[in-house]
């Protein structure tokens, strides 16, 4: 069975939410307060979804761009 990956828009949304969370987590606010003040009003996600996204961000791989050498070595017929 083929494993389905996440879409690029979901990955970007997760990255934006985690970036927002990280920027406020250093201020000493609790996770719930960060969610209540900064995450929910913009993204309308539940607190549980926030925790799932933070956990998912550790597993998301960014697409690898081909090296310039690999592009030069590809010959099209």
PDB file of N, CA and C in Angstrom:
ATOM      1  N   UNK A   1       0.830  -1.167   0.000  1.00  0.00           N
ATOM      2  CA  UNK A   1       0.000   0.000   0.000  1.00  0.00           C
ATOM      3  C   UNK A   1       0.884   1.242   0.000  1.00  0.00           C
ATOM      4  N   UNK A   2       0.522   2.195  -0.858  1.00  0.00           N
ATOM      5  CA  UNK A   2       1.297   3.418  -0.981  1.00  0.00           C
ATOM      6  C   UNK A   2       0.995   4.357   0.189  1.00  0.00           C
ATOM      7  N   UNK A   3       2.034   4.902   0.779  1.00  0.00           N
ATOM      8  CA  UNK A   3       1.881   5.826   1.899  1.00  0.00           C
ATOM      9  C   UNK A   3       1.570   7.216   1.355  1.00  0.00           C
ATOM     10  N   UNK A   4       0.489   7.790   1.846  1.00  0.00           N
ATOM     11  CA  UNK A   4       0.118   9.132   1.418  1.00  0.00           C
ATOM     12  C   UNK A   4       0.881  10.162   2.232  1.00  0.00           C
ATOM     13  N   UNK A   5       1.424  11.116   1.552  1.00  0.00           N
ATOM     14  CA  UNK A   5       2.121  12.196   2.232  1.00  0.00           C
ATOM     15  C   UNK A   5       1.192  13.372   2.450  1.00  0.00           C
ATOM     16  N   UNK A   6       1.646  14.333   3.197  1.00  0.00           N
ATOM     17  CA  UNK A   6       0.869  15.531   3.442  1.00  0.00           C
ATOM     18  C   UNK A   6       1.055  16.481   2.272  1.00  0.00           C
ATOM     19  N   UNK A   7       0.056  17.285   2.028  1.00  0.00           N
ATOM     20  CA  UNK A   7       0.137  18.283   0.978  1.00  0.00           C
ATOM     21  C   UNK A   7       1.054  19.418   1.372  1.00  0.00           C
ATOM     22  N   UNK A   8       1.486  20.164   0.378  1.00  0.00           N
ATOM     23  CA  UNK A   8       2.398  21.275   0.642  1.00  0.00           C
ATOM     24  C   UNK A   8       1.718  22.371   1.453  1.00  0.00           C
ATOM     25  N   UNK A   9       0.419  22.590   1.224  1.00  0.00           N
ATOM     26  CA  UNK A   9      -0.270  23.637   1.979  1.00  0.00           C
ATOM     27  C   UNK A   9      -0.377  23.260   3.462  1.00  0.00           C
ATOM     28  N   UNK A  10      -0.582  21.973   3.752  1.00  0.00           N
ATOM     29  CA  UNK A  10      -0.629  21.528   5.145  1.00  0.00           C
ATOM     30  C   UNK A  10       0.738  21.721   5.795  1.00  0.00           C
ATOM     31  N   UNK A  11       1.790  21.360   5.084  1.00  0.00           N
ATOM     32  CA  UNK A  11       3.141  21.527   5.634  1.00  0.00           C
ATOM     33  C   UNK A  11       3.443  22.995   5.916  1.00  0.00           C
ATOM     34  N   UNK A  12       3.019  23.884   5.019  1.00  0.00           N
ATOM     35  CA  UNK A  12       3.242  25.307   5.229  1.00  0.00           C
ATOM     36  C   UNK A  12       2.433  25.804   6.422  1.00  0.00           C
ATOM     37  N   UNK A  13       1.204  25.341   6.552  1.00  0.00           N
ATOM     38  CA  UNK A  13       0.353  25.736   7.678  1.00  0.00           C
ATOM     39  C   UNK A  13       0.966  25.284   8.998  1.00  0.00           C
ATOM     40  N   UNK A  14       1.461  24.042   9.033  1.00  0.00           N
ATOM     41  CA  UNK A  14       2.116  23.525  10.234  1.00  0.00           C
ATOM     42  C   UNK A  14       3.350  24.368  10.555  1.00  0.00           C
ATOM     43  N   UNK A  15       4.148  24.669   9.535  1.00  0.00           N
ATOM     44  CA  UNK A  15       5.359  25.462   9.759  1.00  0.00           C
ATOM     45  C   UNK A  15       5.012  26.853  10.291  1.00  0.00           C
ATOM     46  N   UNK A  16       3.961  27.471   9.750  1.00  0.00           N
ATOM     47  CA  UNK A  16       3.557  28.802  10.224  1.00  0.00           C
ATOM     48  C   UNK A  16       3.085  28.762  11.670  1.00  0.00           C
ATOM     49  N   UNK A  17       2.292  27.748  12.000  1.00  0.00           N
ATOM     50  CA  UNK A  17       1.764  27.635  13.362  1.00  0.00           C
ATOM     51  C   UNK A  17       2.882  27.356  14.356  1.00  0.00           C
ATOM     52  N   UNK A  18       3.800  26.476  14.009  1.00  0.00           N
ATOM     53  CA  UNK A  18       4.914  26.150  14.907  1.00  0.00           C
ATOM     54  C   UNK A  18       5.823  27.361  15.080  1.00  0.00           C
ATOM     55  N   UNK A  19       6.038  28.116  14.003  1.00  0.00           N
ATOM     56  CA  UNK A  19       6.861  29.321  14.097  1.00  0.00           C
ATOM     57  C   UNK A  19       6.210  30.340  15.039  1.00  0.00           C
ATOM     58  N   UNK A  20       4.903  30.519  14.901  1.00  0.00           N
ATOM     59  CA  UNK A  20       4.164  31.433  15.778  1.00  0.00           C
ATOM     60  C   UNK A  20       4.229  30.960  17.231  1.00  0.00           C
ATOM     61  N   UNK A  21       4.057  29.660  17.426  1.00  0.00           N
ATOM     62  CA  UNK A  21       4.103  29.085  18.775  1.00  0.00           C
ATOM     63  C   UNK A  21       5.485  29.281  19.381  1.00  0.00           C
ATOM     64  N   UNK A  22       6.535  29.008  18.618  1.00  0.00           N
ATOM     65  CA  UNK A  22       7.900  29.146  19.129  1.00  0.00           C
ATOM     66  C   UNK A  22       8.236  30.595  19.479  1.00  0.00           C
ATOM     67  N   UNK A  23       7.720  31.520  18.693  1.00  0.00           N
ATOM     68  CA  UNK A  23       8.042  32.923  18.960  1.00  0.00           C
ATOM     69  C   UNK A  23       7.453  33.397  20.285  1.00  0.00           C
ATOM     70  N   UNK A  24       6.343  32.805  20.719  1.00  0.00           N
ATOM     71  CA  UNK A  24       5.716  33.222  21.971  1.00  0.00           C
ATOM     72  C   UNK A  24       6.051  32.300  23.142  1.00  0.00           C
ATOM     73  N   UNK A  25       6.562  31.123  22.870  1.00  0.00           N
ATOM     74  CA  UNK A  25       6.828  30.179  23.958  1.00  0.00           C
ATOM     75  C   UNK A  25       7.988  30.632  24.843  1.00  0.00           C
ATOM     76  N   UNK A  26       8.877  31.433  24.309  1.00  0.00           N
ATOM     77  CA  UNK A  26      10.011  31.907  25.094  1.00  0.00           C
ATOM     78  C   UNK A  26       9.635  33.029  26.059  1.00  0.00           C
ATOM     79  N   UNK A  27       8.423  33.563  25.892  1.00  0.00           N
ATOM     80  CA  UNK A  27       7.998  34.681  26.740  1.00  0.00           C
ATOM     81  C   UNK A  27       7.487  34.227  28.102  1.00  0.00           C
ATOM     82  N   UNK A  28       7.352  32.914  28.302  1.00  0.00           N
ATOM     83  CA  UNK A  28       6.921  32.406  29.589  1.00  0.00           C
ATOM     84  C   UNK A  28       5.432  32.127  29.677  1.00  0.00           C
ATOM     85  N   UNK A  29       4.694  32.329  28.583  1.00  0.00           N
ATOM     86  CA  UNK A  29       3.262  32.028  28.595  1.00  0.00           C
ATOM     87  C   UNK A  29       3.039  30.524  28.530  1.00  0.00           C
ATOM     88  N   UNK A  30       1.921  30.073  29.085  1.00  0.00           N
ATOM     89  CA  UNK A  30       1.591  28.652  29.002  1.00  0.00           C
ATOM     90  C   UNK A  30       1.143  28.321  27.575  1.00  0.00           C
ATOM     91  N   UNK A  31       1.189  27.048  27.243  1.00  0.00           N
ATOM     92  CA  UNK A  31       0.779  26.604  25.905  1.00  0.00           C
ATOM     93  C   UNK A  31      -0.669  26.989  25.619  1.00  0.00           C
ATOM     94  N   UNK A  32      -1.522  26.828  26.618  1.00  0.00           N
ATOM     95  CA  UNK A  32      -2.934  27.160  26.435  1.00  0.00           C
ATOM     96  C   UNK A  32      -3.130  28.652  26.188  1.00  0.00           C
ATOM     97  N   UNK A  33      -2.378  29.465  26.887  1.00  0.00           N
ATOM     98  CA  UNK A  33      -2.497  30.914  26.713  1.00  0.00           C
ATOM     99  C   UNK A  33      -1.995  31.335  25.331  1.00  0.00           C
ATOM    100  N   UNK A  34      -0.913  30.733  24.855  1.00  0.00           N
ATOM    101  CA  UNK A  34      -0.417  31.021  23.503  1.00  0.00           C
ATOM    102  C   UNK A  34      -1.467  30.629  22.478  1.00  0.00           C
ATOM    103  N   UNK A  35      -2.059  29.445  22.663  1.00  0.00           N
ATOM    104  CA  UNK A  35      -3.112  28.997  21.744  1.00  0.00           C
ATOM    105  C   UNK A  35      -4.288  29.966  21.778  1.00  0.00           C
ATOM    106  N   UNK A  36      -4.698  30.348  22.968  1.00  0.00           N
ATOM    107  CA  UNK A  36      -5.882  31.202  23.125  1.00  0.00           C
ATOM    108  C   UNK A  36      -5.661  32.601  22.563  1.00  0.00           C
ATOM    109  N   UNK A  37      -4.490  33.183  22.774  1.00  0.00           N
ATOM    110  CA  UNK A  37      -4.238  34.566  22.338  1.00  0.00           C
ATOM    111  C   UNK A  37      -3.807  34.684  20.884  1.00  0.00           C
ATOM    112  N   UNK A  38      -2.948  33.759  20.422  1.00  0.00           N
ATOM    113  CA  UNK A  38      -2.287  33.967  19.143  1.00  0.00           C
ATOM    114  C   UNK A  38      -2.641  32.955  18.053  1.00  0.00           C
ATOM    115  N   UNK A  39      -2.878  31.718  18.410  1.00  0.00           N
ATOM    116  CA  UNK A  39      -3.100  30.682  17.400  1.00  0.00           C
ATOM    117  C   UNK A  39      -4.579  30.602  16.997  1.00  0.00           C
ATOM    118  N   UNK A  40      -5.474  30.451  17.965  1.00  0.00           N
ATOM    119  CA  UNK A  40      -6.886  30.247  17.657  1.00  0.00           C
ATOM    120  C   UNK A  40      -7.515  31.403  16.869  1.00  0.00           C
ATOM    121  N   UNK A  41      -7.273  32.658  17.235  1.00  0.00           N
ATOM    122  CA  UNK A  41      -7.917  33.746  16.480  1.00  0.00           C
ATOM    123  C   UNK A  41      -7.513  33.810  15.005  1.00  0.00           C
ATOM    124  N   UNK A  42      -6.359  33.287  14.667  1.00  0.00           N
ATOM    125  CA  UNK A  42      -5.893  33.350  13.285  1.00  0.00           C
ATOM    126  C   UNK A  42      -6.213  32.064  12.522  1.00  0.00           C
ATOM    127  N   UNK A  43      -5.938  30.909  13.127  1.00  0.00           N
ATOM    128  CA  UNK A  43      -6.026  29.633  12.413  1.00  0.00           C
ATOM    129  C   UNK A  43      -7.270  28.807  12.752  1.00  0.00           C
ATOM    130  N   UNK A  44      -8.015  29.152  13.796  1.00  0.00           N
ATOM    131  CA  UNK A  44      -9.253  28.463  14.194  1.00  0.00           C
ATOM    132  C   UNK A  44      -9.065  26.956  14.358  1.00  0.00           C
ATOM    133  N   UNK A  45      -8.001  26.568  15.053  1.00  0.00           N
ATOM    134  CA  UNK A  45      -7.765  25.155  15.331  1.00  0.00           C
ATOM    135  C   UNK A  45      -7.929  24.914  16.824  1.00  0.00           C
ATOM    136  N   UNK A  46      -8.256  23.677  17.172  1.00  0.00           N
ATOM    137  CA  UNK A  46      -8.403  23.346  18.591  1.00  0.00           C
ATOM    138  C   UNK A  46      -7.027  23.221  19.243  1.00  0.00           C
ATOM    139  N   UNK A  47      -7.047  23.204  20.550  1.00  0.00           N
ATOM    140  CA  UNK A  47      -5.792  23.068  21.290  1.00  0.00           C
ATOM    141  C   UNK A  47      -5.155  21.717  20.996  1.00  0.00           C
ATOM    142  N   UNK A  48      -5.980  20.684  20.890  1.00  0.00           N
ATOM    143  CA  UNK A  48      -5.476  19.337  20.594  1.00  0.00           C
ATOM    144  C   UNK A  48      -4.820  19.302  19.208  1.00  0.00           C
ATOM    145  N   UNK A  49      -5.406  19.978  18.239  1.00  0.00           N
ATOM    146  CA  UNK A  49      -4.828  20.042  16.898  1.00  0.00           C
ATOM    147  C   UNK A  49      -3.484  20.762  16.932  1.00  0.00           C
ATOM    148  N   UNK A  50      -3.375  21.782  17.765  1.00  0.00           N
ATOM    149  CA  UNK A  50      -2.099  22.482  17.920  1.00  0.00           C
ATOM    150  C   UNK A  50      -1.022  21.515  18.384  1.00  0.00           C
ATOM    151  N   UNK A  51      -1.346  20.703  19.407  1.00  0.00           N
ATOM    152  CA  UNK A  51      -0.368  19.743  19.906  1.00  0.00           C
ATOM    153  C   UNK A  51      -0.016  18.704  18.835  1.00  0.00           C
ATOM    154  N   UNK A  52      -0.996  18.274  18.061  1.00  0.00           N
ATOM    155  CA  UNK A  52      -0.719  17.329  16.975  1.00  0.00           C
ATOM    156  C   UNK A  52       0.183  17.946  15.916  1.00  0.00           C
ATOM    157  N   UNK A  53      -0.018  19.222  15.615  1.00  0.00           N
ATOM    158  CA  UNK A  53       0.826  19.889  14.620  1.00  0.00           C
ATOM    159  C   UNK A  53       2.250  20.081  15.132  1.00  0.00           C
ATOM    160  N   UNK A  54       2.386  20.410  16.405  1.00  0.00           N
ATOM    161  CA  UNK A  54       3.731  20.553  16.969  1.00  0.00           C
ATOM    162  C   UNK A  54       4.455  19.216  16.905  1.00  0.00           C
ATOM    163  N   UNK A  55       3.745  18.145  17.205  1.00  0.00           N
ATOM    164  CA  UNK A  55       4.324  16.807  17.125  1.00  0.00           C
ATOM    165  C   UNK A  55       4.631  16.432  15.673  1.00  0.00           C
ATOM    166  N   UNK A  56       3.745  16.789  14.751  1.00  0.00           N
ATOM    167  CA  UNK A  56       3.936  16.455  13.340  1.00  0.00           C
ATOM    168  C   UNK A  56       5.103  17.220  12.745  1.00  0.00           C
ATOM    169  N   UNK A  57       5.383  18.418  13.260  1.00  0.00           N
ATOM    170  CA  UNK A  57       6.455  19.221  12.684  1.00  0.00           C
ATOM    171  C   UNK A  57       7.813  18.550  12.822  1.00  0.00           C
ATOM    172  N   UNK A  58       7.944  17.663  13.781  1.00  0.00           N
ATOM    173  CA  UNK A  58       9.210  16.955  13.948  1.00  0.00           C
ATOM    174  C   UNK A  58       9.396  15.875  12.886  1.00  0.00           C
ATOM    175  N   UNK A  59       8.290  15.468  12.233  1.00  0.00           N
ATOM    176  CA  UNK A  59       8.349  14.375  11.270  1.00  0.00           C
ATOM    177  C   UNK A  59       8.238  14.827   9.815  1.00  0.00           C
ATOM    178  N   UNK A  60       7.980  16.105   9.567  1.00  0.00           N
ATOM    179  CA  UNK A  60       7.810  16.599   8.203  1.00  0.00           C
ATOM    180  C   UNK A  60       9.183  16.800   7.580  1.00  0.00           C
ATOM    181  N   UNK A  61       9.360  16.216   6.405  1.00  0.00           N
ATOM    182  CA  UNK A  61      10.611  16.393   5.675  1.00  0.00           C
ATOM    183  C   UNK A  61      10.394  17.407   4.570  1.00  0.00           C
ATOM    184  N   UNK A  62      11.339  18.299   4.417  1.00  0.00           N
ATOM    185  CA  UNK A  62      11.249  19.271   3.345  1.00  0.00           C
ATOM    186  C   UNK A  62      11.702  18.617   2.056  1.00  0.00           C
ATOM    187  N   UNK A  63      11.058  18.965   0.928  1.00  0.00           N
ATOM    188  CA  UNK A  63      11.487  18.378  -0.333  1.00  0.00           C
ATOM    189  C   UNK A  63      12.912  18.803  -0.660  1.00  0.00           C
ATOM    190  N   UNK A  64      13.684  17.856  -1.131  1.00  0.00           N
ATOM    191  CA  UNK A  64      15.081  18.131  -1.438  1.00  0.00           C
ATOM    192  C   UNK A  64      15.202  18.683  -2.852  1.00  0.00           C
ATOM    193  N   UNK A  65      15.905  19.786  -2.962  1.00  0.00           N
ATOM    194  CA  UNK A  65      16.149  20.369  -4.274  1.00  0.00           C
ATOM    195  C   UNK A  65      17.339  19.650  -4.906  1.00  0.00           C
ATOM    196  N   UNK A  66      17.256  19.361  -6.197  1.00  0.00           N
ATOM    197  CA  UNK A  66      18.391  18.689  -6.838  1.00  0.00           C
ATOM    198  C   UNK A  66      19.611  19.603  -6.868  1.00  0.00           C
ATOM    199  N   UNK A  67      20.755  18.999  -6.750  1.00  0.00           N
ATOM    200  CA  UNK A  67      22.007  19.748  -6.805  1.00  0.00           C
ATOM    201  C   UNK A  67      22.227  20.280  -8.214  1.00  0.00           C
ATOM    202  N   UNK A  68      23.009  21.326  -8.328  1.00  0.00           N
ATOM    203  CA  UNK A  68      23.299  21.899  -9.637  1.00  0.00           C
ATOM    204  C   UNK A  68      24.047  20.892 -10.506  1.00  0.00           C
ATOM    205  N   UNK A  69      24.896  20.082  -9.876  1.00  0.00           N
ATOM    206  CA  UNK A  69      25.657  19.078 -10.632  1.00  0.00           C
ATOM    207  C   UNK A  69      24.711  18.019 -11.183  1.00  0.00           C
ATOM    208  N   UNK A  70      23.741  17.601 -10.383  1.00  0.00           N
ATOM    209  CA  UNK A  70      22.775  16.616 -10.861  1.00  0.00           C
ATOM    210  C   UNK A  70      21.975  17.158 -12.029  1.00  0.00           C
ATOM    211  N   UNK A  71      21.629  18.435 -11.991  1.00  0.00           N
ATOM    212  CA  UNK A  71      20.886  19.028 -13.095  1.00  0.00           C
ATOM    213  C   UNK A  71      21.731  19.087 -14.358  1.00  0.00           C
ATOM    214  N   UNK A  72      23.032  19.364 -14.214  1.00  0.00           N
ATOM    215  CA  UNK A  72      23.902  19.438 -15.379  1.00  0.00           C
ATOM    216  C   UNK A  72      24.133  18.069 -16.006  1.00  0.00           C
ATOM    217  N   UNK A  73      24.116  17.033 -15.174  1.00  0.00           N
ATOM    218  CA  UNK A  73      24.379  15.692 -15.678  1.00  0.00           C
ATOM    219  C   UNK A  73      23.156  15.034 -16.311  1.00  0.00           C
ATOM    220  N   UNK A  74      21.995  15.601 -16.138  1.00  0.00           N
ATOM    221  CA  UNK A  74      20.806  15.035 -16.750  1.00  0.00           C
ATOM    222  C   UNK A  74      20.743  15.472 -18.206  1.00  0.00           C
ATOM    223  N   UNK A  75      20.819  14.495 -19.090  1.00  0.00           N
ATOM    224  CA  UNK A  75      20.735  14.782 -20.529  1.00  0.00           C
ATOM    225  C   UNK A  75      19.395  14.313 -21.028  1.00  0.00           C
ATOM    226  N   UNK A  76      18.702  15.155 -21.736  1.00  0.00           N
ATOM    227  CA  UNK A  76      17.430  14.772 -22.310  1.00  0.00           C
ATOM    228  C   UNK A  76      17.661  14.361 -23.752  1.00  0.00           C
ATOM    229  N   UNK A  77      17.009  13.260 -24.129  1.00  0.00           N
ATOM    230  CA  UNK A  77      17.155  12.777 -25.516  1.00  0.00           C
ATOM    231  C   UNK A  77      16.238  13.499 -26.453  1.00  0.00           C
TER     232      UNK A  77
END
